Protein backbone atom coordinates (compact mmCIF):
# COMPACT_ATOMS: atom_id res chain seq x y z
CA UNK A 1 0.00 0.00 0.00
CA UNK A 2 1.28 3.47 -0.92
CA UNK A 3 0.66 6.72 0.93
CA UNK A 4 -1.39 9.53 -0.62
CA UNK A 5 0.68 12.18 -2.41
CA UNK A 6 3.82 10.04 -2.59
CA UNK A 7 5.19 9.38 -6.07
CA UNK A 8 5.31 6.03 -7.87
CA UNK A 9 6.50 4.78 -11.23
CA UNK A 10 4.91 1.94 -13.19
CA UNK A 11 6.79 -1.16 -14.34
CA UNK A 12 6.03 -2.72 -17.72
CA UNK A 13 3.17 -2.40 -20.17
CA UNK A 14 -0.51 -2.21 -19.27
CA UNK A 15 -3.76 -2.95 -21.09
CA UNK A 16 -7.03 -1.13 -20.41
CA UNK A 17 -9.28 -3.73 -18.77
CA UNK A 18 -12.33 -1.68 -17.73
CA UNK A 19 -13.64 1.87 -17.86
CA UNK A 20 -16.17 3.12 -15.33
CA UNK A 21 -17.42 6.52 -14.17
CA UNK A 22 -14.76 6.94 -11.49
CA UNK A 23 -11.59 5.38 -12.91
CA UNK A 24 -9.96 3.31 -15.65
CA UNK A 25 -8.63 -0.09 -14.61
CA UNK A 26 -5.31 -1.18 -16.10
CA UNK A 27 -3.92 -4.70 -15.88
CA UNK A 28 -0.31 -5.71 -16.46
CA UNK A 29 0.32 -7.01 -19.95
CA UNK A 30 2.63 -9.98 -20.20
CA UNK A 31 3.70 -10.77 -23.75
CA UNK A 32 3.60 -14.54 -23.67
CA UNK A 33 1.36 -16.36 -26.11
CA UNK A 34 1.28 -15.78 -29.85
CA UNK A 35 -2.38 -14.65 -29.76
CA UNK A 36 -1.82 -12.02 -27.10
CA UNK A 37 1.37 -10.82 -28.80
CA UNK A 38 -0.61 -10.34 -32.03
CA UNK A 39 -3.30 -8.44 -30.11
CA UNK A 40 -0.56 -6.25 -28.64
CA UNK A 41 0.82 -5.47 -32.10
CA UNK A 42 -2.66 -4.65 -33.42
CA UNK A 43 -3.95 -2.45 -30.59
CA UNK A 44 -1.15 -1.05 -29.29
CA UNK A 45 2.48 7.62 -20.65
CA UNK A 46 2.91 6.20 -24.21
CA UNK A 47 0.08 4.71 -26.10
CA UNK A 48 1.53 1.97 -28.25
CA UNK A 49 0.81 1.43 -31.92
CA UNK A 50 0.53 -1.81 -33.89
CA UNK A 51 4.31 -1.98 -34.26
CA UNK A 52 4.92 -1.33 -30.55
CA UNK A 53 6.03 2.27 -31.05
CA UNK A 54 4.68 5.32 -29.29
CA UNK A 55 1.70 6.96 -30.96
CA UNK A 56 -0.26 10.13 -30.15
CA UNK A 57 -2.59 9.71 -27.20
CA UNK A 58 -6.20 9.44 -28.43
CA UNK A 59 -7.96 8.65 -25.16
CA UNK A 60 -8.55 5.45 -23.25
CA UNK A 61 -10.39 2.51 -24.83
CA UNK A 62 -10.70 -1.08 -23.64
CA UNK A 63 -7.90 -3.11 -25.19
CA UNK A 64 -5.48 -0.16 -25.60
CA UNK A 65 -1.91 -0.70 -24.48
CA UNK A 66 0.08 1.84 -22.48
CA UNK A 67 3.57 2.24 -21.12
CA UNK A 68 3.58 4.72 -18.26
CA UNK A 69 6.92 6.51 -18.12
CA UNK A 70 7.65 9.04 -15.42
CA UNK A 71 6.42 9.46 -11.88
CA UNK A 72 2.84 9.87 -10.76
CA UNK A 73 1.29 11.12 -7.53
CA UNK A 74 -0.77 8.60 -5.55
CA UNK A 75 -4.40 9.70 -5.16
CA UNK A 76 -5.35 6.74 -2.97
CA UNK A 77 -4.23 3.18 -2.36
CA UNK A 78 -5.27 -0.07 -0.69
CA UNK A 79 -3.54 -3.45 -0.28
CA UNK A 80 -4.06 -4.44 -3.94
CA UNK A 81 -4.58 -1.36 -6.15
CA UNK A 82 -3.37 2.23 -6.31
CA UNK A 83 -5.10 5.13 -8.05
CA UNK A 84 -2.98 7.70 -9.90
CA UNK A 85 -4.04 10.64 -12.09
CA UNK A 86 -3.01 10.97 -15.74
CA UNK A 87 -4.48 13.37 -18.31
CA UNK A 88 -7.20 14.35 -15.78
CA UNK A 89 -8.25 10.70 -15.55
CA UNK A 90 -7.96 8.43 -12.52
CA UNK A 91 -6.13 5.17 -13.32
CA UNK A 92 -6.18 2.03 -11.16
CA UNK A 93 -2.96 0.00 -11.23
CA UNK A 94 -1.98 -3.17 -9.36
CA UNK A 95 0.49 -2.44 -6.55
CA UNK A 96 2.92 -5.19 -7.59
CA UNK A 97 3.63 -3.21 -10.79
CA UNK A 98 4.50 0.04 -8.97
CA UNK A 99 7.69 1.33 -7.35
CA UNK A 100 8.02 4.23 -4.92
CA UNK A 101 10.20 7.09 -6.22
CA UNK A 102 11.48 10.28 -4.63
C-alpha atoms as a PDB file:
ATOM      1  CA  UNK A   1       0.000   0.000   0.000  1.00  0.00           C
ATOM      2  CA  UNK A   2       1.285   3.466  -0.920  1.00  0.00           C
ATOM      3  CA  UNK A   3       0.663   6.722   0.929  1.00  0.00           C
ATOM      4  CA  UNK A   4      -1.390   9.525  -0.616  1.00  0.00           C
ATOM      5  CA  UNK A   5       0.679  12.184  -2.414  1.00  0.00           C
ATOM      6  CA  UNK A   6       3.820  10.045  -2.595  1.00  0.00           C
ATOM      7  CA  UNK A   7       5.194   9.378  -6.074  1.00  0.00           C
ATOM      8  CA  UNK A   8       5.307   6.033  -7.872  1.00  0.00           C
ATOM      9  CA  UNK A   9       6.495   4.783 -11.228  1.00  0.00           C
ATOM     10  CA  UNK A  10       4.911   1.942 -13.192  1.00  0.00           C
ATOM     11  CA  UNK A  11       6.785  -1.158 -14.339  1.00  0.00           C
ATOM     12  CA  UNK A  12       6.034  -2.717 -17.720  1.00  0.00           C
ATOM     13  CA  UNK A  13       3.172  -2.401 -20.170  1.00  0.00           C
ATOM     14  CA  UNK A  14      -0.507  -2.210 -19.269  1.00  0.00           C
ATOM     15  CA  UNK A  15      -3.756  -2.951 -21.090  1.00  0.00           C
ATOM     16  CA  UNK A  16      -7.034  -1.135 -20.406  1.00  0.00           C
ATOM     17  CA  UNK A  17      -9.285  -3.729 -18.765  1.00  0.00           C
ATOM     18  CA  UNK A  18     -12.329  -1.683 -17.732  1.00  0.00           C
ATOM     19  CA  UNK A  19     -13.644   1.867 -17.861  1.00  0.00           C
ATOM     20  CA  UNK A  20     -16.173   3.118 -15.333  1.00  0.00           C
ATOM     21  CA  UNK A  21     -17.418   6.516 -14.173  1.00  0.00           C
ATOM     22  CA  UNK A  22     -14.765   6.943 -11.486  1.00  0.00           C
ATOM     23  CA  UNK A  23     -11.586   5.382 -12.908  1.00  0.00           C
ATOM     24  CA  UNK A  24      -9.961   3.315 -15.651  1.00  0.00           C
ATOM     25  CA  UNK A  25      -8.635  -0.094 -14.614  1.00  0.00           C
ATOM     26  CA  UNK A  26      -5.308  -1.176 -16.099  1.00  0.00           C
ATOM     27  CA  UNK A  27      -3.918  -4.700 -15.880  1.00  0.00           C
ATOM     28  CA  UNK A  28      -0.313  -5.705 -16.461  1.00  0.00           C
ATOM     29  CA  UNK A  29       0.321  -7.008 -19.952  1.00  0.00           C
ATOM     30  CA  UNK A  30       2.628  -9.984 -20.204  1.00  0.00           C
ATOM     31  CA  UNK A  31       3.697 -10.765 -23.751  1.00  0.00           C
ATOM     32  CA  UNK A  32       3.604 -14.544 -23.671  1.00  0.00           C
ATOM     33  CA  UNK A  33       1.359 -16.363 -26.107  1.00  0.00           C
ATOM     34  CA  UNK A  34       1.277 -15.778 -29.851  1.00  0.00           C
ATOM     35  CA  UNK A  35      -2.381 -14.648 -29.758  1.00  0.00           C
ATOM     36  CA  UNK A  36      -1.823 -12.019 -27.099  1.00  0.00           C
ATOM     37  CA  UNK A  37       1.374 -10.817 -28.798  1.00  0.00           C
ATOM     38  CA  UNK A  38      -0.605 -10.343 -32.032  1.00  0.00           C
ATOM     39  CA  UNK A  39      -3.301  -8.444 -30.114  1.00  0.00           C
ATOM     40  CA  UNK A  40      -0.557  -6.255 -28.639  1.00  0.00           C
ATOM     41  CA  UNK A  41       0.816  -5.474 -32.099  1.00  0.00           C
ATOM     42  CA  UNK A  42      -2.664  -4.647 -33.416  1.00  0.00           C
ATOM     43  CA  UNK A  43      -3.949  -2.446 -30.589  1.00  0.00           C
ATOM     44  CA  UNK A  44      -1.147  -1.049 -29.293  1.00  0.00           C
ATOM     45  CA  UNK A  45       2.483   7.622 -20.653  1.00  0.00           C
ATOM     46  CA  UNK A  46       2.907   6.200 -24.211  1.00  0.00           C
ATOM     47  CA  UNK A  47       0.080   4.712 -26.098  1.00  0.00           C
ATOM     48  CA  UNK A  48       1.525   1.969 -28.248  1.00  0.00           C
ATOM     49  CA  UNK A  49       0.811   1.435 -31.917  1.00  0.00           C
ATOM     50  CA  UNK A  50       0.530  -1.812 -33.886  1.00  0.00           C
ATOM     51  CA  UNK A  51       4.314  -1.979 -34.263  1.00  0.00           C
ATOM     52  CA  UNK A  52       4.915  -1.335 -30.551  1.00  0.00           C
ATOM     53  CA  UNK A  53       6.033   2.265 -31.048  1.00  0.00           C
ATOM     54  CA  UNK A  54       4.685   5.319 -29.294  1.00  0.00           C
ATOM     55  CA  UNK A  55       1.700   6.963 -30.963  1.00  0.00           C
ATOM     56  CA  UNK A  56      -0.261  10.134 -30.155  1.00  0.00           C
ATOM     57  CA  UNK A  57      -2.590   9.710 -27.201  1.00  0.00           C
ATOM     58  CA  UNK A  58      -6.198   9.444 -28.429  1.00  0.00           C
ATOM     59  CA  UNK A  59      -7.958   8.645 -25.158  1.00  0.00           C
ATOM     60  CA  UNK A  60      -8.546   5.446 -23.249  1.00  0.00           C
ATOM     61  CA  UNK A  61     -10.385   2.512 -24.826  1.00  0.00           C
ATOM     62  CA  UNK A  62     -10.697  -1.082 -23.638  1.00  0.00           C
ATOM     63  CA  UNK A  63      -7.896  -3.106 -25.193  1.00  0.00           C
ATOM     64  CA  UNK A  64      -5.482  -0.162 -25.602  1.00  0.00           C
ATOM     65  CA  UNK A  65      -1.910  -0.698 -24.476  1.00  0.00           C
ATOM     66  CA  UNK A  66       0.077   1.842 -22.477  1.00  0.00           C
ATOM     67  CA  UNK A  67       3.575   2.238 -21.122  1.00  0.00           C
ATOM     68  CA  UNK A  68       3.580   4.724 -18.264  1.00  0.00           C
ATOM     69  CA  UNK A  69       6.925   6.508 -18.120  1.00  0.00           C
ATOM     70  CA  UNK A  70       7.652   9.044 -15.417  1.00  0.00           C
ATOM     71  CA  UNK A  71       6.420   9.459 -11.879  1.00  0.00           C
ATOM     72  CA  UNK A  72       2.836   9.870 -10.755  1.00  0.00           C
ATOM     73  CA  UNK A  73       1.288  11.122  -7.527  1.00  0.00           C
ATOM     74  CA  UNK A  74      -0.768   8.597  -5.548  1.00  0.00           C
ATOM     75  CA  UNK A  75      -4.398   9.697  -5.160  1.00  0.00           C
ATOM     76  CA  UNK A  76      -5.352   6.737  -2.967  1.00  0.00           C
ATOM     77  CA  UNK A  77      -4.232   3.177  -2.360  1.00  0.00           C
ATOM     78  CA  UNK A  78      -5.273  -0.075  -0.695  1.00  0.00           C
ATOM     79  CA  UNK A  79      -3.541  -3.447  -0.278  1.00  0.00           C
ATOM     80  CA  UNK A  80      -4.057  -4.437  -3.944  1.00  0.00           C
ATOM     81  CA  UNK A  81      -4.578  -1.356  -6.155  1.00  0.00           C
ATOM     82  CA  UNK A  82      -3.370   2.231  -6.314  1.00  0.00           C
ATOM     83  CA  UNK A  83      -5.103   5.125  -8.052  1.00  0.00           C
ATOM     84  CA  UNK A  84      -2.978   7.701  -9.902  1.00  0.00           C
ATOM     85  CA  UNK A  85      -4.036  10.642 -12.088  1.00  0.00           C
ATOM     86  CA  UNK A  86      -3.006  10.968 -15.740  1.00  0.00           C
ATOM     87  CA  UNK A  87      -4.482  13.366 -18.310  1.00  0.00           C
ATOM     88  CA  UNK A  88      -7.196  14.354 -15.776  1.00  0.00           C
ATOM     89  CA  UNK A  89      -8.253  10.702 -15.547  1.00  0.00           C
ATOM     90  CA  UNK A  90      -7.964   8.430 -12.518  1.00  0.00           C
ATOM     91  CA  UNK A  91      -6.131   5.170 -13.317  1.00  0.00           C
ATOM     92  CA  UNK A  92      -6.179   2.035 -11.158  1.00  0.00           C
ATOM     93  CA  UNK A  93      -2.957   0.004 -11.226  1.00  0.00           C
ATOM     94  CA  UNK A  94      -1.983  -3.170  -9.360  1.00  0.00           C
ATOM     95  CA  UNK A  95       0.494  -2.442  -6.549  1.00  0.00           C
ATOM     96  CA  UNK A  96       2.916  -5.188  -7.590  1.00  0.00           C
ATOM     97  CA  UNK A  97       3.635  -3.212 -10.795  1.00  0.00           C
ATOM     98  CA  UNK A  98       4.501   0.040  -8.967  1.00  0.00           C
ATOM     99  CA  UNK A  99       7.689   1.329  -7.353  1.00  0.00           C
ATOM    100  CA  UNK A 100       8.017   4.229  -4.923  1.00  0.00           C
ATOM    101  CA  UNK A 101      10.195   7.089  -6.220  1.00  0.00           C
ATOM    102  CA  UNK A 102      11.477  10.281  -4.632  1.00  0.00           C
END
